[in-house]
Amino acid sequence: MSDQAMNDTGILAYGAYVPITRLQRGAIHAANGWFAGGLRGLAKGEKAIANWDEDPITMAVEAARDCLDGFDRAAIEQVTLASTTLPYADRQNAGVVKEALNLPDAVGAMDVAGSQRAGTASLIALLKGAGERPALHLAAERTTPTPASEREMNAGDAASALLIGRGRPVARLLGTHSVTMDFVDHFREAGQSRDYDWEARWVRDEGFAAIMIPAIAEALKGFGRSGADITHFIAPIAVKGVPEMLAKKLGIAPEAIADTLKDRLGHAGAAQPTLMLADVLGRAKPGELVLVTSFGQGCDVLLFEVTEAIATLRPRLGVAGWLARRVESTNYMKYLFHRGLLCLDRGMRAEHDSKTALTALWRNRKAVLGLVGGRCTRTGTVQFPKTEVSVNPNDHAIRTQEDYPLAEVPASVMTFTADSLTYSPDPPNCYGNIEFVGGGRMMAEFTDFAPDELEVGKELRMMFRIKSLDENRHFRRYFWKAAPAF
């Protein structure tokens, strides 16, 4: 990449997503302390946990919506999703995200996995390959740690989004540096859900200290900078004291160490570096230098300079906004059930086959995955789903409807039911009729609501979620649900 292209290349916009539920670490220790008393020191604060109907795909969609506010989605050239917990091994996860965002079909898509550096490695690739059209970089994790482990205490679920391209970036790329070596601090074989972790002190001394410090020092030298120049130092490490140790060795001021979000969110794996970057960009000022690092079978280092464009970017929810959307939980048993770690008798109403007709999904993918309805070009009537004949009672016009995306349109509750008889992984099953601003109605499930919060007229926003799981064939059905507006 030429020097001029490098000067114009960087982050055009940022976004994030954090699930609403915050599991208290004290509740985890209260359940497991009899067996793993040594976890007491980690039983502070809370961690963000995804609901049963959330996964890296749905969380990436929400982060992307936050990031793309005010930008032309039709201009996006590439979508990349980085994660070590992707739901599909052989179905393009980024392709599902593309459909949910209602992006044009002429878009490249790529999944990146296999390392905690998946997020930064894919980000470097997009930055180095930036063209005239922007690319969307996503990272998301929904982990299933072993109960009563340190990883269970530290891990959190979240997603980040960065729009990468040339033009007027809010954070201009100044340089990148990477080292790769097969240092195995933890691992998870394909097909397994839980990681095996090695001894923490060895990882700290031989991994973080022996690998990261030389790599970052070499990177700073190559960038022509010193540690004292860094305004924000992003060290996405959950181990207490390690970011401070790195900063001291590298001459980085203690006040430059970025919040690891450990006490309020947890460590979101491959998404953590870019999640912390999004958090920093939410309060950064022009001229500040942001040093991003990541660790996993080596080390990635990226240096950004915040530009004047940060002041004109439309405010995002970002990490701070999503963290403010919070419901406290001490229900550790519910968390285990939703992670598939606790077998409960779900009753006969859960015994049904939910096979998905892939042919019908293909034909209706815009409606199902993108929530695209129809608008009559003659009468202006909006409806979902889109059909050949308009639902306008005074004019059943034929073949007059154009695509009308509804995912970003605010809605409100018309009717609601809290059903405790039908099976739901999170009873009661709440559903009802909703009405979109400007017209259009549909039957929808409600999510992220306590049953006593539902009322007619309540303002809503649509959110992309898992509708059901085909446990016989291991296929996930996605659709849009109605959540509280904010």
Protein backbone atom coordinates (compact mmCIF):
# COMPACT_ATOMS: atom_id res chain seq x y z
CA MET A 1 0.00 0.00 0.00
CA SER A 2 1.37 3.45 -0.89
CA ASP A 3 2.09 6.05 1.78
CA GLN A 4 -0.77 8.20 0.46
CA ALA A 5 -3.23 5.32 0.58
CA MET A 6 -2.07 4.49 4.11
CA ASN A 7 -2.67 8.09 5.19
CA ASP A 8 -6.25 7.92 3.91
CA THR A 9 -6.98 4.44 5.27
CA GLY A 10 -8.48 3.61 8.58
CA ILE A 11 -11.68 3.26 10.57
CA LEU A 12 -14.63 5.16 9.13
CA ALA A 13 -17.07 4.20 11.88
CA TYR A 14 -17.36 1.87 14.87
CA GLY A 15 -20.09 0.06 16.76
CA ALA A 16 -20.62 -2.59 19.41
CA TYR A 17 -23.15 -4.87 21.02
CA VAL A 18 -23.40 -6.18 24.59
CA PRO A 19 -26.26 -8.49 25.65
CA ILE A 20 -28.63 -7.08 28.22
CA THR A 21 -28.13 -9.73 30.94
CA ARG A 22 -25.34 -9.33 33.50
CA LEU A 23 -24.67 -12.50 35.46
CA GLN A 24 -23.19 -11.70 38.85
CA ARG A 25 -19.88 -13.44 39.44
CA GLY A 26 -20.83 -13.82 43.08
CA ALA A 27 -23.66 -16.12 41.99
CA ILE A 28 -21.20 -18.32 40.10
CA HIS A 29 -18.99 -18.61 43.16
CA ALA A 30 -21.97 -19.22 45.44
CA ALA A 31 -22.84 -22.28 43.34
CA ASN A 32 -19.31 -23.61 42.88
CA GLY A 33 -17.39 -22.34 45.91
CA TRP A 34 -17.83 -25.62 47.77
CA PHE A 35 -15.72 -27.26 45.07
CA ALA A 36 -13.54 -24.44 43.71
CA GLY A 37 -12.98 -22.18 46.68
CA GLY A 38 -9.97 -20.60 44.99
CA LEU A 39 -12.29 -18.70 42.65
CA ARG A 40 -13.32 -16.36 45.48
CA GLY A 41 -10.81 -13.76 44.33
CA LEU A 42 -12.52 -13.59 40.92
CA ALA A 43 -16.06 -13.39 42.32
CA LYS A 44 -16.36 -9.64 41.81
CA GLY A 45 -18.38 -7.64 39.34
CA GLU A 46 -20.47 -9.12 36.57
CA LYS A 47 -20.22 -10.59 33.07
CA ALA A 48 -22.40 -10.05 30.01
CA ILE A 49 -24.13 -13.24 28.89
CA ALA A 50 -26.07 -13.82 25.70
CA ASN A 51 -29.65 -15.05 25.91
CA TRP A 52 -30.57 -18.48 24.54
CA ASP A 53 -31.60 -16.83 21.26
CA GLU A 54 -28.29 -15.02 20.74
CA ASP A 55 -25.04 -16.23 19.18
CA PRO A 56 -22.06 -14.65 17.38
CA ILE A 57 -24.18 -14.13 14.25
CA THR A 58 -27.01 -12.26 15.97
CA MET A 59 -24.61 -10.21 18.10
CA ALA A 60 -22.53 -9.30 15.04
CA VAL A 61 -25.70 -8.08 13.31
CA GLU A 62 -26.51 -5.75 16.20
CA ALA A 63 -22.94 -4.40 16.35
CA ALA A 64 -23.04 -3.81 12.59
CA ARG A 65 -26.33 -1.90 12.83
CA ASP A 66 -24.76 0.34 15.46
CA CYS A 67 -21.70 0.91 13.28
CA LEU A 68 -23.53 1.55 10.00
CA ASP A 69 -25.91 4.19 11.31
CA GLY A 70 -25.79 7.00 8.76
CA PHE A 71 -23.77 5.06 6.17
CA ASP A 72 -24.84 3.70 2.80
CA ARG A 73 -25.00 -0.08 3.16
CA ALA A 74 -25.11 -0.51 -0.60
CA ALA A 75 -21.53 0.75 -0.80
CA ILE A 76 -20.06 -2.08 1.33
CA GLU A 77 -17.74 -4.38 -0.60
CA GLN A 78 -16.81 -7.00 2.02
CA VAL A 79 -18.12 -8.46 5.28
CA THR A 80 -15.71 -10.30 7.58
CA LEU A 81 -16.77 -12.07 10.79
CA ALA A 82 -14.09 -13.14 13.25
CA SER A 83 -14.89 -15.56 16.07
CA THR A 84 -13.70 -18.76 17.71
CA THR A 85 -17.30 -19.73 18.60
CA LEU A 86 -19.05 -19.48 15.23
CA PRO A 87 -22.25 -21.56 15.18
CA TYR A 88 -21.61 -23.10 11.74
CA ALA A 89 -18.57 -25.08 10.63
CA ASP A 90 -19.85 -25.33 7.06
CA ARG A 91 -22.30 -22.55 6.34
CA GLN A 92 -20.93 -19.08 5.88
CA ASN A 93 -21.73 -17.27 9.10
CA ALA A 94 -20.83 -13.88 7.59
CA GLY A 95 -23.30 -14.66 4.80
CA VAL A 96 -26.16 -14.84 7.31
CA VAL A 97 -25.07 -11.48 8.69
CA LYS A 98 -25.04 -10.06 5.17
CA GLU A 99 -28.65 -11.19 4.63
CA ALA A 100 -29.81 -9.79 7.97
CA LEU A 101 -28.26 -6.42 7.13
CA ASN A 102 -30.02 -6.47 3.75
CA LEU A 103 -26.77 -5.82 1.90
CA PRO A 104 -26.55 -6.21 -1.90
CA ASP A 105 -25.76 -9.68 -3.20
CA ALA A 106 -22.58 -8.38 -4.86
CA VAL A 107 -20.71 -8.43 -1.56
CA GLY A 108 -17.78 -10.59 -0.49
CA ALA A 109 -18.03 -12.46 2.80
CA MET A 110 -15.49 -14.31 4.92
CA ASP A 111 -15.37 -16.11 8.26
CA VAL A 112 -12.12 -15.93 10.26
CA ALA A 113 -11.45 -18.27 13.20
CA GLY A 114 -8.84 -20.47 14.83
CA SER A 115 -7.15 -18.02 17.21
CA GLN A 116 -7.72 -15.26 19.74
CA ARG A 117 -5.98 -13.10 17.13
CA ALA A 118 -8.72 -13.77 14.57
CA GLY A 119 -10.19 -10.32 15.17
CA THR A 120 -6.97 -8.35 14.73
CA ALA A 121 -5.58 -10.58 11.96
CA SER A 122 -8.69 -10.05 9.85
CA LEU A 123 -8.67 -6.33 10.68
CA ILE A 124 -5.08 -6.01 9.45
CA ALA A 125 -5.99 -7.83 6.23
CA LEU A 126 -8.89 -5.47 5.55
CA LEU A 127 -6.82 -2.39 6.32
CA LYS A 128 -4.00 -3.49 4.02
CA GLY A 129 -6.42 -4.41 1.25
CA ALA A 130 -8.66 -1.34 1.57
CA GLY A 131 -10.09 -0.22 -1.76
CA GLU A 132 -12.42 2.52 -2.91
CA ARG A 133 -15.43 0.84 -1.29
CA PRO A 134 -15.57 0.21 2.48
CA ALA A 135 -15.45 -3.18 4.21
CA LEU A 136 -17.29 -4.22 7.36
CA HIS A 137 -15.19 -5.89 10.03
CA LEU A 138 -17.09 -7.82 12.70
CA ALA A 139 -15.98 -9.87 15.69
CA ALA A 140 -18.18 -11.71 18.17
CA GLU A 141 -17.95 -14.42 20.81
CA ARG A 142 -20.41 -16.51 22.83
CA THR A 143 -18.33 -18.84 24.94
CA THR A 144 -19.19 -22.04 26.82
CA PRO A 145 -16.51 -22.29 29.51
CA THR A 146 -16.22 -25.27 31.84
CA PRO A 147 -18.24 -24.66 35.01
CA ALA A 148 -16.20 -23.71 38.09
CA SER A 149 -13.24 -22.59 35.95
CA GLU A 150 -11.35 -19.29 35.86
CA ARG A 151 -12.41 -18.93 32.23
CA GLU A 152 -16.07 -19.11 33.28
CA MET A 153 -15.48 -16.27 35.71
CA ASN A 154 -13.61 -14.11 33.20
CA ALA A 155 -15.39 -14.73 29.89
CA GLY A 156 -18.14 -12.45 28.56
CA ASP A 157 -20.27 -12.31 25.41
CA ALA A 158 -20.18 -9.31 23.06
CA ALA A 159 -19.53 -8.12 19.51
CA SER A 160 -17.74 -5.26 17.79
CA ALA A 161 -18.01 -3.66 14.35
CA LEU A 162 -15.62 -1.44 12.41
CA LEU A 163 -16.19 0.10 9.00
CA ILE A 164 -12.86 0.06 7.18
CA GLY A 165 -11.94 2.12 4.14
CA ARG A 166 -10.37 5.18 2.61
CA GLY A 167 -11.50 8.78 2.74
CA ARG A 168 -12.01 10.58 6.05
CA PRO A 169 -11.35 7.97 8.72
CA VAL A 170 -12.05 8.77 12.35
CA ALA A 171 -8.91 6.79 13.18
CA ARG A 172 -6.12 6.72 10.60
CA LEU A 173 -3.89 3.65 10.36
CA LEU A 174 -0.23 4.46 11.03
CA GLY A 175 1.14 0.93 10.92
CA THR A 176 0.83 -2.75 11.82
CA HIS A 177 3.20 -5.43 13.05
CA SER A 178 2.70 -9.16 13.70
CA VAL A 179 4.67 -12.08 15.08
CA THR A 180 3.48 -15.68 14.97
CA MET A 181 4.65 -18.62 17.08
CA ASP A 182 2.85 -21.72 18.29
CA PHE A 183 2.68 -20.83 21.96
CA VAL A 184 -0.25 -22.89 23.29
CA ASP A 185 -1.67 -21.20 26.38
CA HIS A 186 -5.02 -22.88 25.81
CA PHE A 187 -6.68 -24.92 23.08
CA ARG A 188 -9.96 -26.40 21.91
CA GLU A 189 -10.18 -29.21 19.39
CA ALA A 190 -12.65 -28.95 16.51
CA GLY A 191 -16.07 -30.15 17.57
CA GLN A 192 -15.50 -29.40 21.24
CA SER A 193 -17.21 -26.56 23.11
CA ARG A 194 -14.86 -25.96 26.04
CA ASP A 195 -11.23 -24.84 26.22
CA TYR A 196 -8.36 -26.49 28.03
CA ASP A 197 -6.22 -23.92 29.83
CA TRP A 198 -2.60 -24.18 30.90
CA GLU A 199 -1.06 -22.83 34.11
CA ALA A 200 -1.62 -19.07 34.44
CA ARG A 201 1.81 -18.05 35.76
CA TRP A 202 3.61 -19.79 32.91
CA VAL A 203 1.34 -18.06 30.40
CA ARG A 204 2.01 -14.70 32.03
CA ASP A 205 5.80 -15.06 32.11
CA GLU A 206 6.48 -16.93 28.87
CA GLY A 207 3.56 -15.62 26.85
CA PHE A 208 2.49 -12.10 27.73
CA ALA A 209 5.94 -10.99 28.94
CA ALA A 210 8.30 -12.92 26.66
CA ILE A 211 6.27 -12.61 23.46
CA MET A 212 4.23 -9.41 23.69
CA ILE A 213 6.85 -7.04 25.11
CA PRO A 214 9.45 -7.63 22.34
CA ALA A 215 6.74 -7.59 19.66
CA ILE A 216 5.25 -4.29 20.82
CA ALA A 217 8.70 -2.74 21.32
CA GLU A 218 9.70 -3.71 17.78
CA ALA A 219 6.41 -2.36 16.45
CA LEU A 220 6.86 1.01 18.19
CA LYS A 221 10.38 1.26 16.80
CA GLY A 222 9.08 0.55 13.31
CA PHE A 223 6.35 3.15 13.73
CA GLY A 224 8.92 5.73 14.83
CA ARG A 225 7.18 6.15 18.19
CA SER A 226 7.92 5.54 21.84
CA GLY A 227 5.71 4.23 24.61
CA ALA A 228 5.41 7.75 26.00
CA ASP A 229 3.64 8.85 22.79
CA ILE A 230 0.69 6.47 23.30
CA THR A 231 -2.56 7.99 24.54
CA HIS A 232 -4.61 4.77 24.68
CA PHE A 233 -3.00 1.36 25.20
CA ILE A 234 -5.35 -1.53 24.43
CA ALA A 235 -4.13 -4.75 26.06
CA PRO A 236 -7.09 -7.17 25.96
CA ILE A 237 -5.91 -9.47 28.74
CA ALA A 238 -8.12 -10.71 31.57
CA VAL A 239 -5.24 -11.62 33.92
CA LYS A 240 -4.97 -9.05 36.69
CA GLY A 241 -1.90 -6.83 36.52
CA VAL A 242 -0.69 -7.89 33.07
CA PRO A 243 -1.71 -4.71 31.17
CA GLU A 244 0.05 -2.66 33.85
CA MET A 245 3.15 -4.86 33.61
CA LEU A 246 3.28 -4.48 29.82
CA ALA A 247 2.82 -0.71 30.01
CA LYS A 248 5.59 -0.31 32.58
CA LYS A 249 8.07 -2.35 30.53
CA LEU A 250 7.23 -0.40 27.37
CA GLY A 251 7.31 3.07 28.89
CA ILE A 252 3.59 3.64 28.42
CA ALA A 253 1.95 5.90 31.01
CA PRO A 254 -0.36 4.12 33.48
CA GLU A 255 -3.20 6.51 32.62
CA ALA A 256 -2.98 5.38 28.98
CA ILE A 257 -4.04 1.81 29.82
CA ALA A 258 -7.51 1.27 28.37
CA ASP A 259 -10.33 -0.19 30.43
CA THR A 260 -10.35 -3.96 29.86
CA LEU A 261 -14.09 -4.00 30.70
CA LYS A 262 -13.41 -7.01 32.92
CA ASP A 263 -15.65 -6.05 35.86
CA ARG A 264 -18.64 -4.97 33.76
CA LEU A 265 -18.54 -7.24 30.71
CA GLY A 266 -15.80 -9.86 30.86
CA HIS A 267 -13.33 -10.96 28.20
CA ALA A 268 -14.96 -11.47 24.80
CA GLY A 269 -12.21 -13.59 23.25
CA ALA A 270 -11.28 -12.70 19.68
CA ALA A 271 -13.67 -9.73 19.83
CA GLN A 272 -12.01 -8.14 22.86
CA PRO A 273 -9.32 -6.04 21.09
CA THR A 274 -11.77 -4.42 18.67
CA LEU A 275 -14.43 -4.14 21.37
CA MET A 276 -12.01 -2.17 23.52
CA LEU A 277 -11.04 -0.15 20.44
CA ALA A 278 -14.69 0.76 19.86
CA ASP A 279 -14.95 1.74 23.52
CA VAL A 280 -11.88 3.99 23.25
CA LEU A 281 -13.11 5.62 20.04
CA GLY A 282 -16.31 6.53 21.85
CA ARG A 283 -14.37 9.09 23.92
CA ALA A 284 -11.14 9.67 21.95
CA LYS A 285 -10.07 13.12 20.76
CA PRO A 286 -8.30 14.25 17.57
CA GLY A 287 -4.55 13.74 17.58
CA GLU A 288 -4.54 10.95 20.16
CA LEU A 289 -2.62 7.75 19.40
CA VAL A 290 -4.30 4.39 20.00
CA LEU A 291 -2.11 1.29 20.24
CA VAL A 292 -4.09 -1.94 19.78
CA THR A 293 -2.55 -5.29 20.71
CA SER A 294 -3.77 -8.88 20.79
CA PHE A 295 -2.31 -12.19 21.92
CA GLY A 296 -2.80 -15.72 20.64
CA GLN A 297 -0.06 -17.88 19.10
CA GLY A 298 1.85 -14.66 18.65
CA CYS A 299 1.00 -10.98 18.82
CA ASP A 300 -0.61 -8.36 16.56
CA VAL A 301 0.06 -4.65 17.00
CA LEU A 302 -1.81 -1.80 15.27
CA LEU A 303 -1.32 1.94 15.69
CA PHE A 304 -4.04 4.48 14.91
CA GLU A 305 -4.21 8.26 15.07
CA VAL A 306 -7.60 9.77 15.90
CA THR A 307 -8.57 12.45 13.37
CA GLU A 308 -10.82 15.52 13.31
CA ALA A 309 -13.52 13.37 11.68
CA ILE A 310 -14.27 11.82 15.08
CA ALA A 311 -16.06 15.04 16.06
CA THR A 312 -18.51 14.85 13.14
CA LEU A 313 -19.37 11.15 13.37
CA ARG A 314 -22.96 10.60 14.43
CA PRO A 315 -23.02 9.33 18.06
CA ARG A 316 -23.21 5.56 18.42
CA LEU A 317 -24.57 3.46 21.24
CA GLY A 318 -21.13 1.92 21.35
CA VAL A 319 -19.88 -0.08 24.30
CA ALA A 320 -20.98 2.52 26.85
CA GLY A 321 -24.52 2.70 25.49
CA TRP A 322 -25.03 -1.06 25.46
CA LEU A 323 -23.51 -1.45 28.92
CA ALA A 324 -26.08 1.02 30.21
CA ARG A 325 -28.82 -1.31 28.91
CA ARG A 326 -28.55 -3.77 31.77
CA VAL A 327 -30.56 -6.37 33.66
CA GLU A 328 -28.87 -7.96 36.66
CA SER A 329 -29.13 -11.74 37.08
CA THR A 330 -28.10 -14.16 39.81
CA ASN A 331 -29.73 -17.16 38.11
CA TYR A 332 -26.69 -19.36 37.49
CA MET A 333 -28.87 -22.41 36.77
CA LYS A 334 -30.60 -20.57 33.93
CA TYR A 335 -27.21 -19.63 32.47
CA LEU A 336 -26.09 -23.27 32.57
CA PHE A 337 -29.30 -24.43 30.88
CA HIS A 338 -28.99 -21.89 28.09
CA ARG A 339 -25.37 -22.97 27.51
CA GLY A 340 -26.40 -26.61 27.19
CA LEU A 341 -24.55 -27.51 30.39
CA LEU A 342 -27.62 -28.49 32.40
CA CYS A 343 -30.21 -31.04 31.28
CA LEU A 344 -33.77 -30.18 32.36
CA ASP A 345 -37.01 -32.02 31.68
CA ARG A 346 -38.53 -29.74 29.05
CA GLY A 347 -41.84 -31.59 28.90
CA MET A 348 -43.82 -33.07 26.04
CA ARG A 349 -44.58 -29.68 24.49
CA ALA A 350 -40.90 -29.44 23.55
CA GLU A 351 -41.08 -32.74 21.65
CA HIS A 352 -41.68 -31.62 18.11
CA ASP A 353 -39.73 -31.63 14.87
CA SER A 354 -38.79 -28.17 13.61
CA LYS A 355 -37.20 -29.07 10.29
CA THR A 356 -36.51 -26.04 8.11
CA ALA A 357 -37.48 -26.22 4.45
CA LEU A 358 -34.29 -24.85 2.91
CA THR A 359 -36.08 -24.28 -0.40
CA ALA A 360 -38.64 -22.03 1.28
CA LEU A 361 -35.91 -20.25 3.25
CA TRP A 362 -34.09 -19.51 -0.01
CA ARG A 363 -37.20 -18.15 -1.74
CA ASN A 364 -38.12 -15.99 1.26
CA ARG A 365 -34.64 -15.08 2.51
CA LYS A 366 -35.22 -11.31 2.22
CA ALA A 367 -38.35 -11.49 4.34
CA VAL A 368 -37.07 -14.03 6.87
CA LEU A 369 -33.49 -12.87 7.33
CA GLY A 370 -33.72 -9.22 6.25
CA LEU A 371 -37.26 -8.40 7.45
CA VAL A 372 -38.08 -6.91 4.06
CA GLY A 373 -41.78 -6.30 3.60
CA GLY A 374 -43.70 -4.61 0.80
CA ARG A 375 -44.99 -1.12 0.07
CA CYS A 376 -47.68 -0.52 -2.54
CA THR A 377 -46.42 2.04 -5.04
CA ARG A 378 -50.01 3.11 -5.76
CA THR A 379 -51.49 3.50 -2.28
CA GLY A 380 -48.44 3.57 -0.02
CA THR A 381 -49.77 0.65 2.04
CA VAL A 382 -47.02 -1.15 3.97
CA GLN A 383 -47.34 -4.83 4.78
CA PHE A 384 -45.39 -7.83 5.97
CA PRO A 385 -44.88 -10.17 4.30
CA LYS A 386 -44.76 -8.76 0.80
CA THR A 387 -47.35 -10.42 -1.49
CA GLU A 388 -48.62 -10.17 -5.04
CA VAL A 389 -51.85 -8.55 -3.86
CA SER A 390 -51.96 -5.49 -1.61
CA VAL A 391 -53.75 -5.79 1.73
CA ASN A 392 -55.27 -2.30 1.35
CA PRO A 393 -59.01 -2.99 1.89
CA ASN A 394 -60.00 -0.30 -0.60
CA ASP A 395 -57.58 -1.20 -3.36
CA HIS A 396 -56.35 -4.77 -3.80
CA ALA A 397 -53.71 -3.68 -6.26
CA ILE A 398 -51.80 -6.48 -7.98
CA ARG A 399 -48.02 -6.53 -8.43
CA THR A 400 -47.58 -2.94 -7.26
CA GLN A 401 -45.38 -3.62 -4.23
CA GLU A 402 -41.74 -2.64 -3.88
CA ASP A 403 -39.30 -3.92 -1.27
CA TYR A 404 -39.70 -2.11 2.03
CA PRO A 405 -37.10 -2.95 4.74
CA LEU A 406 -38.62 -2.86 8.23
CA ALA A 407 -35.70 -3.82 10.49
CA GLU A 408 -34.74 -0.21 11.19
CA VAL A 409 -38.31 1.10 11.47
CA PRO A 410 -39.54 1.76 15.05
CA ALA A 411 -42.63 -0.15 16.17
CA SER A 412 -45.01 -0.38 19.11
CA VAL A 413 -47.00 -3.07 20.93
CA MET A 414 -50.59 -3.57 19.74
CA THR A 415 -51.41 -6.76 21.67
CA PHE A 416 -49.39 -9.13 23.81
CA THR A 417 -49.58 -12.50 25.52
CA ALA A 418 -47.32 -14.11 28.12
CA ASP A 419 -47.82 -17.81 27.43
CA SER A 420 -46.65 -20.25 30.11
CA LEU A 421 -48.10 -23.35 28.41
CA THR A 422 -46.10 -23.48 25.18
CA TYR A 423 -42.47 -24.53 25.52
CA SER A 424 -39.85 -21.78 25.65
CA PRO A 425 -36.21 -21.96 26.83
CA ASP A 426 -36.97 -18.70 28.67
CA PRO A 427 -40.58 -18.89 29.88
CA PRO A 428 -43.07 -17.41 29.59
CA ASN A 429 -43.18 -17.17 25.80
CA CYS A 430 -44.16 -13.55 25.08
CA TYR A 431 -45.62 -12.65 21.70
CA GLY A 432 -48.23 -10.43 20.11
CA ASN A 433 -49.08 -8.01 17.32
CA ILE A 434 -46.86 -5.02 16.64
CA GLU A 435 -47.31 -2.00 14.38
CA PHE A 436 -44.53 -0.17 12.56
CA VAL A 437 -44.32 3.60 12.35
CA GLY A 438 -45.64 4.52 8.92
CA GLY A 439 -47.73 1.36 8.59
CA GLY A 440 -47.33 -2.37 8.55
CA ARG A 441 -48.22 -4.94 11.16
CA MET A 442 -46.95 -8.40 12.06
CA MET A 443 -47.09 -11.06 14.73
CA ALA A 444 -43.78 -11.09 16.61
CA GLU A 445 -42.10 -12.66 19.59
CA PHE A 446 -40.83 -10.30 22.27
CA THR A 447 -37.30 -10.60 23.65
CA ASP A 448 -35.34 -8.90 26.44
CA PHE A 449 -38.64 -8.09 28.16
CA ALA A 450 -39.72 -9.04 31.64
CA PRO A 451 -43.41 -10.10 31.32
CA ASP A 452 -44.57 -7.27 33.59
CA GLU A 453 -42.86 -4.70 31.33
CA LEU A 454 -45.09 -5.40 28.33
CA GLU A 455 -47.95 -2.98 27.72
CA VAL A 456 -49.94 -1.72 24.75
CA GLY A 457 -48.19 1.20 23.08
CA LYS A 458 -44.73 0.24 24.37
CA GLU A 459 -42.08 1.41 21.91
CA LEU A 460 -40.02 -1.29 20.25
CA ARG A 461 -36.96 -1.92 18.12
CA MET A 462 -36.47 -5.03 16.01
CA MET A 463 -33.56 -7.34 16.83
CA PHE A 464 -32.16 -10.29 14.87
CA ARG A 465 -32.36 -13.47 16.96
CA ILE A 466 -32.56 -17.25 16.88
CA LYS A 467 -36.21 -18.23 16.49
CA SER A 468 -35.77 -21.97 17.11
CA LEU A 469 -33.25 -24.77 16.99
CA ASP A 470 -33.64 -27.92 14.92
CA GLU A 471 -31.91 -30.27 17.34
CA ASN A 472 -32.26 -33.29 15.05
CA ARG A 473 -30.26 -31.70 12.21
CA HIS A 474 -28.43 -28.98 14.16
CA PHE A 475 -29.83 -26.09 12.14
CA ARG A 476 -30.66 -22.65 13.53
CA ARG A 477 -33.69 -20.73 12.35
CA TYR A 478 -33.17 -16.96 12.52
CA PHE A 479 -35.83 -14.27 12.45
CA TRP A 480 -36.53 -10.85 13.94
CA LYS A 481 -37.99 -10.29 17.39
CA ALA A 482 -39.30 -7.14 19.08
CA ALA A 483 -37.26 -5.72 21.96
CA PRO A 484 -37.63 -2.62 24.14
CA ALA A 485 -36.67 0.61 22.39
CA PHE A 486 -34.09 2.88 24.03
